[in-house]
Amino acid sequence: MCTRRRPVRRRPLSARPAARGRAEADVLTLPSFEWARPRTVEETLAALSDRPGETLVVAGGTDAVPNLKHRLHEPRLVVHIGGVRELQFVRDAEDGLHLGALVTLAELARHPVVRRDFPSLARAAGLVAGPQLRNMGTLGGNLCLDTRCTYYNQTYFWRSALGYCLKKDGAAAWRRTPRTSRRC
């Protein structure tokens, strides 16, 4: 069982001298949550079963952490699976290519088997964002990404001030949510 759980306290995003002294409202902070860092798939499943519907899985965190700071997700438990080595693999098998959720986009872009047999996949992975994000972003995270809103990544504050969804009355609207919803 994963025993590495600890609460995460709210901390300012920046500790630079220029940022010190600002009101906390000017600095994006993380919400409070518990943190689990499992090392195996079994520990991961156990951590996820503890709080169904109240957890967020993070590996690279390139999208999850900013979304947490903007309060787009407010989980009670964040499960960091970056140390679960069983999920980091690229295997060329008879029935196709097997990819683990923790393969980074950079690894996918430069893997020799992927480049040889699946050049479009290698090229697509190599074109995502910049090198820093490709080295952190995982295949699993990008496939499971909750973008919440195709056109705008609005915080709750802005959605409530502007009628909850800027695209709700537009020609490209896909859905409309109740005014009480915290999601677009």
N, C-alpha and C. Protein backbone atom coordinates (compact mmCIF):
# COMPACT_ATOMS: atom_id res chain seq x y z
N MET A 1 0.84 -1.19 0.00
CA MET A 1 0.00 0.00 0.00
C MET A 1 0.88 1.24 0.00
N CYS A 2 0.46 2.21 -0.72
CA CYS A 2 1.20 3.47 -0.80
C CYS A 2 1.09 4.21 0.53
N THR A 3 2.22 4.48 1.14
CA THR A 3 2.21 5.16 2.44
C THR A 3 2.76 6.57 2.35
N ARG A 4 3.00 7.05 1.17
CA ARG A 4 3.60 8.38 1.01
C ARG A 4 2.53 9.44 0.79
N ARG A 5 1.60 9.55 1.69
CA ARG A 5 0.55 10.56 1.57
C ARG A 5 0.83 11.69 2.53
N ARG A 6 0.67 12.86 2.04
CA ARG A 6 0.82 14.02 2.91
C ARG A 6 -0.03 15.14 2.34
N PRO A 7 -0.56 15.99 3.22
CA PRO A 7 -1.34 17.11 2.70
C PRO A 7 -0.43 18.12 2.01
N VAL A 8 -0.94 18.75 0.99
CA VAL A 8 -0.21 19.79 0.30
C VAL A 8 -0.80 21.12 0.75
N ARG A 9 0.05 22.01 1.21
CA ARG A 9 -0.42 23.31 1.69
C ARG A 9 -0.39 24.32 0.55
N ARG A 10 -1.22 25.31 0.68
CA ARG A 10 -1.26 26.37 -0.33
C ARG A 10 0.01 27.19 -0.25
N ARG A 11 0.67 27.32 -1.38
CA ARG A 11 1.90 28.10 -1.46
C ARG A 11 1.84 29.01 -2.67
N PRO A 12 2.46 30.18 -2.59
CA PRO A 12 2.50 31.05 -3.76
C PRO A 12 3.26 30.40 -4.90
N LEU A 13 2.87 30.73 -6.11
CA LEU A 13 3.54 30.22 -7.30
C LEU A 13 4.97 30.72 -7.38
N SER A 14 5.21 31.95 -6.95
CA SER A 14 6.52 32.54 -7.10
C SER A 14 7.04 33.05 -5.76
N ALA A 15 8.31 32.82 -5.51
CA ALA A 15 8.94 33.35 -4.30
C ALA A 15 9.96 34.42 -4.67
N ARG A 16 9.90 34.90 -5.91
CA ARG A 16 10.82 35.96 -6.35
C ARG A 16 10.60 37.20 -5.50
N PRO A 17 11.64 37.99 -5.27
CA PRO A 17 11.49 39.22 -4.48
C PRO A 17 10.38 40.13 -5.00
N ALA A 18 10.23 40.23 -6.31
CA ALA A 18 9.20 41.12 -6.87
C ALA A 18 7.80 40.64 -6.52
N ALA A 19 7.65 39.33 -6.33
CA ALA A 19 6.33 38.78 -6.03
C ALA A 19 6.00 38.86 -4.55
N ARG A 20 7.02 38.96 -3.71
CA ARG A 20 6.77 39.05 -2.27
C ARG A 20 6.03 40.34 -1.95
N GLY A 21 5.13 40.25 -1.02
CA GLY A 21 4.39 41.42 -0.61
C GLY A 21 3.10 41.63 -1.40
N ARG A 22 2.91 40.93 -2.49
CA ARG A 22 1.66 41.03 -3.23
C ARG A 22 0.56 40.36 -2.43
N ALA A 23 -0.64 40.78 -2.68
CA ALA A 23 -1.78 40.11 -2.06
C ALA A 23 -1.87 38.70 -2.60
N GLU A 24 -2.32 37.77 -1.76
CA GLU A 24 -2.39 36.37 -2.20
C GLU A 24 -3.29 36.22 -3.42
N ALA A 25 -4.27 37.08 -3.58
CA ALA A 25 -5.17 36.98 -4.73
C ALA A 25 -4.44 37.21 -6.04
N ASP A 26 -3.29 37.88 -6.01
CA ASP A 26 -2.53 38.15 -7.23
C ASP A 26 -1.65 36.98 -7.63
N VAL A 27 -1.51 36.00 -6.77
CA VAL A 27 -0.60 34.88 -7.02
C VAL A 27 -1.42 33.60 -7.10
N LEU A 28 -1.20 32.82 -8.15
CA LEU A 28 -1.90 31.55 -8.28
C LEU A 28 -1.33 30.55 -7.28
N THR A 29 -2.19 29.95 -6.51
CA THR A 29 -1.77 28.96 -5.53
C THR A 29 -2.49 27.65 -5.79
N LEU A 30 -1.91 26.59 -5.28
CA LEU A 30 -2.56 25.28 -5.38
C LEU A 30 -3.62 25.16 -4.29
N PRO A 31 -4.73 24.48 -4.59
CA PRO A 31 -5.69 24.21 -3.52
C PRO A 31 -5.11 23.16 -2.57
N SER A 32 -5.70 23.00 -1.42
CA SER A 32 -5.24 21.97 -0.48
C SER A 32 -5.72 20.60 -0.96
N PHE A 33 -4.83 19.62 -0.88
CA PHE A 33 -5.19 18.25 -1.23
C PHE A 33 -4.17 17.31 -0.62
N GLU A 34 -4.54 16.03 -0.55
CA GLU A 34 -3.58 15.01 -0.14
C GLU A 34 -2.83 14.55 -1.38
N TRP A 35 -1.63 14.04 -1.16
CA TRP A 35 -0.73 13.66 -2.24
C TRP A 35 -0.31 12.21 -2.03
N ALA A 36 -0.50 11.38 -3.04
CA ALA A 36 -0.03 10.00 -2.99
C ALA A 36 0.97 9.80 -4.11
N ARG A 37 2.04 9.08 -3.81
CA ARG A 37 3.08 8.82 -4.81
C ARG A 37 3.34 7.31 -4.86
N PRO A 38 2.46 6.56 -5.50
CA PRO A 38 2.64 5.11 -5.58
C PRO A 38 3.83 4.75 -6.47
N ARG A 39 4.37 3.56 -6.24
CA ARG A 39 5.52 3.08 -7.02
C ARG A 39 5.16 1.89 -7.91
N THR A 40 3.98 1.31 -7.71
CA THR A 40 3.56 0.16 -8.51
C THR A 40 2.13 0.38 -9.00
N VAL A 41 1.71 -0.42 -9.97
CA VAL A 41 0.34 -0.35 -10.46
C VAL A 41 -0.63 -0.71 -9.34
N GLU A 42 -0.29 -1.72 -8.52
CA GLU A 42 -1.16 -2.12 -7.42
C GLU A 42 -1.36 -0.98 -6.43
N GLU A 43 -0.29 -0.29 -6.07
CA GLU A 43 -0.39 0.85 -5.16
C GLU A 43 -1.22 1.97 -5.79
N THR A 44 -1.09 2.15 -7.09
CA THR A 44 -1.87 3.17 -7.79
C THR A 44 -3.35 2.85 -7.71
N LEU A 45 -3.71 1.61 -8.01
CA LEU A 45 -5.12 1.21 -7.97
C LEU A 45 -5.69 1.33 -6.57
N ALA A 46 -4.89 1.00 -5.56
CA ALA A 46 -5.34 1.13 -4.17
C ALA A 46 -5.59 2.59 -3.82
N ALA A 47 -4.69 3.47 -4.23
CA ALA A 47 -4.86 4.90 -3.95
C ALA A 47 -6.10 5.45 -4.66
N LEU A 48 -6.33 5.02 -5.90
CA LEU A 48 -7.49 5.51 -6.65
C LEU A 48 -8.80 4.98 -6.08
N SER A 49 -8.79 3.79 -5.51
CA SER A 49 -10.02 3.22 -4.96
C SER A 49 -10.39 3.84 -3.61
N ASP A 50 -9.44 4.52 -2.96
CA ASP A 50 -9.73 5.16 -1.67
C ASP A 50 -10.77 6.26 -1.79
N ARG A 51 -10.70 7.04 -2.84
CA ARG A 51 -11.59 8.20 -3.00
C ARG A 51 -12.10 8.29 -4.44
N PRO A 52 -12.98 7.39 -4.84
CA PRO A 52 -13.48 7.46 -6.21
C PRO A 52 -14.20 8.78 -6.46
N GLY A 53 -13.89 9.39 -7.60
CA GLY A 53 -14.51 10.65 -7.97
C GLY A 53 -13.90 11.87 -7.32
N GLU A 54 -12.95 11.68 -6.41
CA GLU A 54 -12.32 12.81 -5.71
C GLU A 54 -10.82 12.85 -5.94
N THR A 55 -10.35 12.15 -6.99
CA THR A 55 -8.92 12.07 -7.23
C THR A 55 -8.55 12.63 -8.59
N LEU A 56 -7.32 13.03 -8.70
CA LEU A 56 -6.75 13.48 -9.97
C LEU A 56 -5.43 12.75 -10.13
N VAL A 57 -5.24 12.12 -11.28
CA VAL A 57 -3.99 11.42 -11.57
C VAL A 57 -3.07 12.38 -12.32
N VAL A 58 -1.82 12.45 -11.87
CA VAL A 58 -0.83 13.34 -12.47
C VAL A 58 0.43 12.55 -12.77
N ALA A 59 1.03 12.79 -13.91
CA ALA A 59 2.34 12.20 -14.23
C ALA A 59 3.30 13.33 -14.55
N GLY A 60 3.20 13.88 -15.75
CA GLY A 60 4.03 15.03 -16.10
C GLY A 60 3.50 16.31 -15.48
N GLY A 61 2.19 16.44 -15.44
CA GLY A 61 1.55 17.57 -14.79
C GLY A 61 1.56 18.87 -15.58
N THR A 62 1.93 18.82 -16.86
CA THR A 62 2.06 20.06 -17.62
C THR A 62 0.72 20.76 -17.83
N ASP A 63 -0.38 20.03 -17.82
CA ASP A 63 -1.71 20.64 -17.89
C ASP A 63 -2.43 20.57 -16.56
N ALA A 64 -2.21 19.52 -15.80
CA ALA A 64 -2.93 19.33 -14.54
C ALA A 64 -2.58 20.40 -13.51
N VAL A 65 -1.31 20.75 -13.36
CA VAL A 65 -0.91 21.72 -12.34
C VAL A 65 -1.50 23.11 -12.62
N PRO A 66 -1.38 23.64 -13.85
CA PRO A 66 -2.05 24.93 -14.10
C PRO A 66 -3.56 24.86 -13.88
N ASN A 67 -4.19 23.75 -14.26
CA ASN A 67 -5.63 23.61 -14.04
C ASN A 67 -5.97 23.58 -12.56
N LEU A 68 -5.11 22.98 -11.75
CA LEU A 68 -5.31 23.01 -10.29
C LEU A 68 -5.22 24.44 -9.77
N LYS A 69 -4.24 25.17 -10.24
CA LYS A 69 -4.06 26.56 -9.78
C LYS A 69 -5.23 27.45 -10.18
N HIS A 70 -5.84 27.15 -11.30
CA HIS A 70 -7.00 27.93 -11.75
C HIS A 70 -8.30 27.37 -11.19
N ARG A 71 -8.19 26.36 -10.33
CA ARG A 71 -9.34 25.74 -9.67
C ARG A 71 -10.30 25.08 -10.66
N LEU A 72 -9.77 24.61 -11.78
CA LEU A 72 -10.59 23.85 -12.72
C LEU A 72 -10.81 22.44 -12.21
N HIS A 73 -9.90 21.98 -11.36
CA HIS A 73 -10.04 20.71 -10.65
C HIS A 73 -9.79 21.01 -9.18
N GLU A 74 -10.58 20.43 -8.30
CA GLU A 74 -10.35 20.59 -6.87
C GLU A 74 -10.46 19.22 -6.20
N PRO A 75 -9.50 18.33 -6.49
CA PRO A 75 -9.55 16.99 -5.93
C PRO A 75 -9.16 16.98 -4.45
N ARG A 76 -9.59 15.97 -3.76
CA ARG A 76 -9.15 15.79 -2.38
C ARG A 76 -7.84 15.03 -2.33
N LEU A 77 -7.58 14.25 -3.40
CA LEU A 77 -6.36 13.45 -3.47
C LEU A 77 -5.76 13.58 -4.86
N VAL A 78 -4.48 13.87 -4.94
CA VAL A 78 -3.75 13.86 -6.21
C VAL A 78 -2.81 12.67 -6.16
N VAL A 79 -2.90 11.81 -7.16
CA VAL A 79 -2.07 10.61 -7.24
C VAL A 79 -1.03 10.83 -8.32
N HIS A 80 0.23 10.94 -7.91
CA HIS A 80 1.33 11.17 -8.85
C HIS A 80 1.90 9.81 -9.27
N ILE A 81 1.70 9.44 -10.53
CA ILE A 81 2.12 8.11 -11.00
C ILE A 81 3.45 8.15 -11.72
N GLY A 82 4.16 9.26 -11.65
CA GLY A 82 5.43 9.40 -12.36
C GLY A 82 6.49 8.38 -11.99
N GLY A 83 6.37 7.76 -10.82
CA GLY A 83 7.35 6.78 -10.38
C GLY A 83 6.95 5.34 -10.66
N VAL A 84 5.83 5.12 -11.33
CA VAL A 84 5.36 3.75 -11.62
C VAL A 84 6.03 3.29 -12.92
N ARG A 85 7.20 2.71 -12.81
CA ARG A 85 8.00 2.33 -13.99
C ARG A 85 7.31 1.31 -14.88
N GLU A 86 6.36 0.54 -14.32
CA GLU A 86 5.63 -0.45 -15.12
C GLU A 86 4.84 0.21 -16.25
N LEU A 87 4.60 1.50 -16.14
CA LEU A 87 3.79 2.22 -17.13
C LEU A 87 4.63 2.99 -18.14
N GLN A 88 5.95 2.79 -18.09
CA GLN A 88 6.84 3.52 -19.01
C GLN A 88 7.53 2.52 -19.93
N PHE A 89 6.91 2.27 -21.08
CA PHE A 89 7.49 1.31 -22.02
C PHE A 89 7.01 1.58 -23.44
N VAL A 90 7.84 1.19 -24.40
CA VAL A 90 7.48 1.14 -25.82
C VAL A 90 7.90 -0.25 -26.27
N ARG A 91 6.92 -1.06 -26.68
CA ARG A 91 7.22 -2.44 -27.09
C ARG A 91 6.69 -2.70 -28.50
N ASP A 92 7.56 -3.25 -29.30
CA ASP A 92 7.17 -3.68 -30.64
C ASP A 92 6.74 -5.13 -30.52
N ALA A 93 5.45 -5.39 -30.64
CA ALA A 93 4.92 -6.75 -30.49
C ALA A 93 4.32 -7.22 -31.82
N GLU A 94 4.06 -8.51 -31.90
CA GLU A 94 3.48 -9.07 -33.13
C GLU A 94 2.12 -8.46 -33.44
N ASP A 95 1.36 -8.15 -32.40
CA ASP A 95 0.01 -7.60 -32.62
C ASP A 95 -0.01 -6.08 -32.70
N GLY A 96 1.15 -5.45 -32.71
CA GLY A 96 1.21 -3.99 -32.85
C GLY A 96 2.15 -3.35 -31.85
N LEU A 97 2.08 -2.06 -31.79
CA LEU A 97 2.92 -1.28 -30.89
C LEU A 97 2.22 -1.12 -29.55
N HIS A 98 2.92 -1.45 -28.47
CA HIS A 98 2.37 -1.31 -27.12
C HIS A 98 3.07 -0.13 -26.45
N LEU A 99 2.27 0.81 -25.96
CA LEU A 99 2.81 2.02 -25.34
C LEU A 99 2.28 2.17 -23.93
N GLY A 100 3.18 2.49 -23.01
CA GLY A 100 2.78 2.75 -21.63
C GLY A 100 2.32 4.19 -21.46
N ALA A 101 1.49 4.42 -20.46
CA ALA A 101 0.93 5.75 -20.21
C ALA A 101 2.00 6.78 -19.86
N LEU A 102 3.15 6.34 -19.32
CA LEU A 102 4.18 7.28 -18.88
C LEU A 102 5.25 7.58 -19.93
N VAL A 103 5.08 7.08 -21.13
CA VAL A 103 6.03 7.41 -22.20
C VAL A 103 5.86 8.90 -22.49
N THR A 104 6.96 9.63 -22.45
CA THR A 104 6.85 11.06 -22.75
C THR A 104 6.72 11.27 -24.25
N LEU A 105 6.22 12.42 -24.61
CA LEU A 105 6.08 12.74 -26.03
C LEU A 105 7.44 12.78 -26.71
N ALA A 106 8.46 13.24 -25.99
CA ALA A 106 9.81 13.27 -26.55
C ALA A 106 10.33 11.86 -26.81
N GLU A 107 10.09 10.93 -25.88
CA GLU A 107 10.51 9.54 -26.07
C GLU A 107 9.79 8.93 -27.26
N LEU A 108 8.51 9.21 -27.37
CA LEU A 108 7.72 8.69 -28.48
C LEU A 108 8.23 9.23 -29.82
N ALA A 109 8.58 10.50 -29.85
CA ALA A 109 9.05 11.13 -31.09
C ALA A 109 10.39 10.59 -31.55
N ARG A 110 11.24 10.18 -30.61
CA ARG A 110 12.59 9.76 -31.02
C ARG A 110 12.82 8.24 -30.96
N HIS A 111 11.82 7.47 -30.54
CA HIS A 111 12.01 6.02 -30.43
C HIS A 111 12.20 5.43 -31.83
N PRO A 112 13.26 4.61 -32.02
CA PRO A 112 13.56 4.10 -33.37
C PRO A 112 12.44 3.27 -33.99
N VAL A 113 11.76 2.44 -33.21
CA VAL A 113 10.68 1.61 -33.76
C VAL A 113 9.50 2.50 -34.17
N VAL A 114 9.18 3.47 -33.36
CA VAL A 114 8.08 4.38 -33.69
C VAL A 114 8.43 5.18 -34.94
N ARG A 115 9.66 5.66 -35.02
CA ARG A 115 10.07 6.45 -36.20
C ARG A 115 10.05 5.60 -37.47
N ARG A 116 10.44 4.32 -37.35
CA ARG A 116 10.51 3.45 -38.52
C ARG A 116 9.12 2.97 -38.96
N ASP A 117 8.32 2.46 -38.01
CA ASP A 117 7.05 1.81 -38.35
C ASP A 117 5.83 2.72 -38.24
N PHE A 118 5.94 3.78 -37.47
CA PHE A 118 4.81 4.69 -37.25
C PHE A 118 5.29 6.14 -37.37
N PRO A 119 5.81 6.51 -38.54
CA PRO A 119 6.41 7.84 -38.68
C PRO A 119 5.43 8.99 -38.42
N SER A 120 4.17 8.81 -38.73
CA SER A 120 3.20 9.88 -38.47
C SER A 120 3.03 10.11 -36.98
N LEU A 121 3.04 9.04 -36.20
CA LEU A 121 2.94 9.16 -34.74
C LEU A 121 4.18 9.86 -34.18
N ALA A 122 5.35 9.46 -34.66
CA ALA A 122 6.59 10.08 -34.20
C ALA A 122 6.61 11.57 -34.55
N ARG A 123 6.18 11.88 -35.76
CA ARG A 123 6.16 13.28 -36.19
C ARG A 123 5.16 14.09 -35.36
N ALA A 124 3.97 13.55 -35.16
CA ALA A 124 2.95 14.26 -34.37
C ALA A 124 3.44 14.52 -32.95
N ALA A 125 4.04 13.51 -32.33
CA ALA A 125 4.55 13.67 -30.96
C ALA A 125 5.66 14.71 -30.91
N GLY A 126 6.46 14.76 -31.96
CA GLY A 126 7.56 15.73 -32.01
C GLY A 126 7.12 17.15 -32.29
N LEU A 127 5.87 17.33 -32.71
CA LEU A 127 5.37 18.67 -33.02
C LEU A 127 4.53 19.28 -31.89
N VAL A 128 4.29 18.52 -30.85
CA VAL A 128 3.50 19.03 -29.73
C VAL A 128 4.33 20.02 -28.92
N ALA A 129 3.82 21.21 -28.75
CA ALA A 129 4.43 22.24 -27.90
C ALA A 129 5.92 22.40 -28.16
N GLY A 130 6.67 22.75 -27.12
CA GLY A 130 8.11 22.91 -27.21
C GLY A 130 8.82 21.77 -26.51
N PRO A 131 10.15 21.74 -26.56
CA PRO A 131 10.89 20.62 -25.98
C PRO A 131 10.67 20.44 -24.48
N GLN A 132 10.50 21.51 -23.73
CA GLN A 132 10.28 21.35 -22.29
C GLN A 132 9.00 20.58 -22.02
N LEU A 133 7.93 20.93 -22.72
CA LEU A 133 6.66 20.23 -22.51
C LEU A 133 6.70 18.82 -23.07
N ARG A 134 7.39 18.61 -24.18
CA ARG A 134 7.49 17.24 -24.72
C ARG A 134 8.28 16.33 -23.79
N ASN A 135 9.25 16.88 -23.08
CA ASN A 135 10.04 16.07 -22.15
C ASN A 135 9.28 15.76 -20.86
N MET A 136 8.29 16.55 -20.53
CA MET A 136 7.49 16.32 -19.32
C MET A 136 6.15 15.65 -19.63
N GLY A 137 5.51 16.06 -20.71
CA GLY A 137 4.18 15.58 -21.05
C GLY A 137 4.19 14.11 -21.41
N THR A 138 3.22 13.37 -20.90
CA THR A 138 3.15 11.93 -21.15
C THR A 138 2.05 11.60 -22.14
N LEU A 139 2.17 10.43 -22.74
CA LEU A 139 1.16 9.95 -23.67
C LEU A 139 -0.18 9.80 -22.94
N GLY A 140 -0.16 9.18 -21.77
CA GLY A 140 -1.39 8.99 -21.00
C GLY A 140 -2.04 10.31 -20.63
N GLY A 141 -1.25 11.27 -20.20
CA GLY A 141 -1.79 12.57 -19.83
C GLY A 141 -2.41 13.29 -21.01
N ASN A 142 -1.80 13.19 -22.17
CA ASN A 142 -2.34 13.86 -23.35
C ASN A 142 -3.58 13.16 -23.88
N LEU A 143 -3.67 11.85 -23.72
CA LEU A 143 -4.88 11.14 -24.16
C LEU A 143 -6.03 11.35 -23.19
N CYS A 144 -5.73 11.49 -21.91
CA CYS A 144 -6.77 11.64 -20.89
C CYS A 144 -7.01 13.09 -20.50
N LEU A 145 -6.43 14.00 -21.20
CA LEU A 145 -6.52 15.42 -20.87
C LEU A 145 -7.96 15.90 -20.85
N ASP A 146 -8.33 16.56 -19.78
CA ASP A 146 -9.66 17.14 -19.65
C ASP A 146 -9.53 18.62 -20.00
N THR A 147 -9.76 18.95 -21.25
CA THR A 147 -9.62 20.34 -21.67
C THR A 147 -10.79 21.19 -21.22
N ARG A 148 -11.85 20.58 -20.82
CA ARG A 148 -13.02 21.23 -20.26
C ARG A 148 -13.76 22.11 -21.24
N CYS A 149 -13.10 22.85 -22.03
CA CYS A 149 -13.75 23.76 -22.96
C CYS A 149 -12.86 23.86 -24.19
N THR A 150 -13.37 23.52 -25.34
CA THR A 150 -12.56 23.49 -26.54
C THR A 150 -11.99 24.85 -26.91
N TYR A 151 -12.70 25.91 -26.63
CA TYR A 151 -12.29 27.22 -27.11
C TYR A 151 -11.68 28.13 -26.05
N TYR A 152 -12.13 28.05 -24.83
CA TYR A 152 -11.65 28.93 -23.77
C TYR A 152 -11.38 28.14 -22.51
N ASN A 153 -10.32 28.44 -21.84
CA ASN A 153 -10.00 27.82 -20.57
C ASN A 153 -10.36 28.84 -19.49
N GLN A 154 -11.65 29.02 -19.26
CA GLN A 154 -12.13 30.05 -18.37
C GLN A 154 -12.12 29.59 -16.92
N THR A 155 -11.74 30.47 -16.04
CA THR A 155 -11.83 30.17 -14.61
C THR A 155 -13.27 30.38 -14.17
N TYR A 156 -13.60 29.87 -13.00
CA TYR A 156 -14.96 30.02 -12.47
C TYR A 156 -15.32 31.50 -12.33
N PHE A 157 -14.38 32.32 -11.89
CA PHE A 157 -14.62 33.76 -11.71
C PHE A 157 -15.10 34.39 -13.02
N TRP A 158 -14.39 34.13 -14.10
CA TRP A 158 -14.76 34.73 -15.38
C TRP A 158 -16.05 34.15 -15.93
N ARG A 159 -16.25 32.85 -15.77
CA ARG A 159 -17.49 32.25 -16.27
C ARG A 159 -18.70 32.84 -15.55
N SER A 160 -18.59 33.03 -14.23
CA SER A 160 -19.73 33.57 -13.49
C SER A 160 -19.97 35.03 -13.85
N ALA A 161 -18.94 35.78 -14.14
CA ALA A 161 -19.08 37.20 -14.49
C ALA A 161 -19.66 37.38 -15.89
N LEU A 162 -19.38 36.46 -16.79
CA LEU A 162 -19.79 36.62 -18.19
C LEU A 162 -20.90 35.66 -18.61
N GLY A 163 -21.62 35.11 -17.67
CA GLY A 163 -22.73 34.25 -18.03
C GLY A 163 -22.35 32.79 -18.20
N TYR A 164 -21.27 32.35 -17.60
CA TYR A 164 -20.84 30.97 -17.49
C TYR A 164 -20.22 30.34 -18.73
N CYS A 165 -20.60 30.71 -19.90
CA CYS A 165 -19.96 30.07 -21.06
C CYS A 165 -19.95 31.04 -22.23
N LEU A 166 -18.77 31.46 -22.63
CA LEU A 166 -18.67 32.43 -23.72
C LEU A 166 -19.11 31.85 -25.05
N LYS A 167 -19.12 30.55 -25.20
CA LYS A 167 -19.46 29.97 -26.49
C LYS A 167 -20.90 29.46 -26.53
N LYS A 168 -21.66 29.58 -25.46
CA LYS A 168 -22.98 28.96 -25.38
C LYS A 168 -23.96 29.44 -26.44
N ASP A 169 -23.87 30.69 -26.86
CA ASP A 169 -24.81 31.22 -27.85
C ASP A 169 -24.20 31.35 -29.24
N GLY A 170 -22.99 30.87 -29.41
CA GLY A 170 -22.31 30.99 -30.70
C GLY A 170 -22.66 29.87 -31.65
N ALA A 171 -22.31 30.05 -32.91
CA ALA A 171 -22.61 29.06 -33.93
C ALA A 171 -21.82 27.77 -33.71
N ALA A 172 -20.68 27.85 -33.01
CA ALA A 172 -19.84 26.67 -32.81
C ALA A 172 -20.12 25.99 -31.47
N ALA A 173 -21.20 26.37 -30.79
CA ALA A 173 -21.49 25.80 -29.46
C ALA A 173 -21.77 24.30 -29.57
N TRP A 174 -21.19 23.54 -28.66
CA TRP A 174 -21.40 22.10 -28.64
C TRP A 174 -22.39 21.70 -27.56
N ARG A 175 -22.38 22.42 -26.43
CA ARG A 175 -23.29 22.09 -25.35
C ARG A 175 -23.49 23.32 -24.48
N ARG A 176 -24.51 23.26 -23.69
CA ARG A 176 -24.80 24.35 -22.77
C ARG A 176 -25.02 23.74 -21.39
N THR A 177 -24.44 24.34 -20.39
CA THR A 177 -24.54 23.79 -19.04
C THR A 177 -25.38 24.72 -18.18
N PRO A 178 -25.95 24.20 -17.09
CA PRO A 178 -26.74 25.06 -16.20
C PRO A 178 -25.87 26.16 -15.60
N ARG A 179 -26.48 27.27 -15.24
CA ARG A 179 -25.75 28.40 -14.67
C ARG A 179 -25.05 28.01 -13.37
N THR A 180 -25.51 26.98 -12.71
CA THR A 180 -24.90 26.58 -11.44
C THR A 180 -23.67 25.70 -11.64
N SER A 181 -23.42 25.28 -12.86
CA SER A 181 -22.28 24.40 -13.12
C SER A 181 -20.97 25.16 -13.00
N ARG A 182 -19.97 24.50 -12.40
CA ARG A 182 -18.64 25.09 -12.32
C ARG A 182 -17.83 24.76 -13.57
N ARG A 183 -18.44 24.04 -14.51
CA ARG A 183 -17.73 23.65 -15.72
C ARG A 183 -18.45 24.22 -16.93
N CYS A 184 -17.68 24.54 -17.95
CA CYS A 184 -18.24 25.08 -19.18
C CYS A 184 -18.73 23.94 -20.05
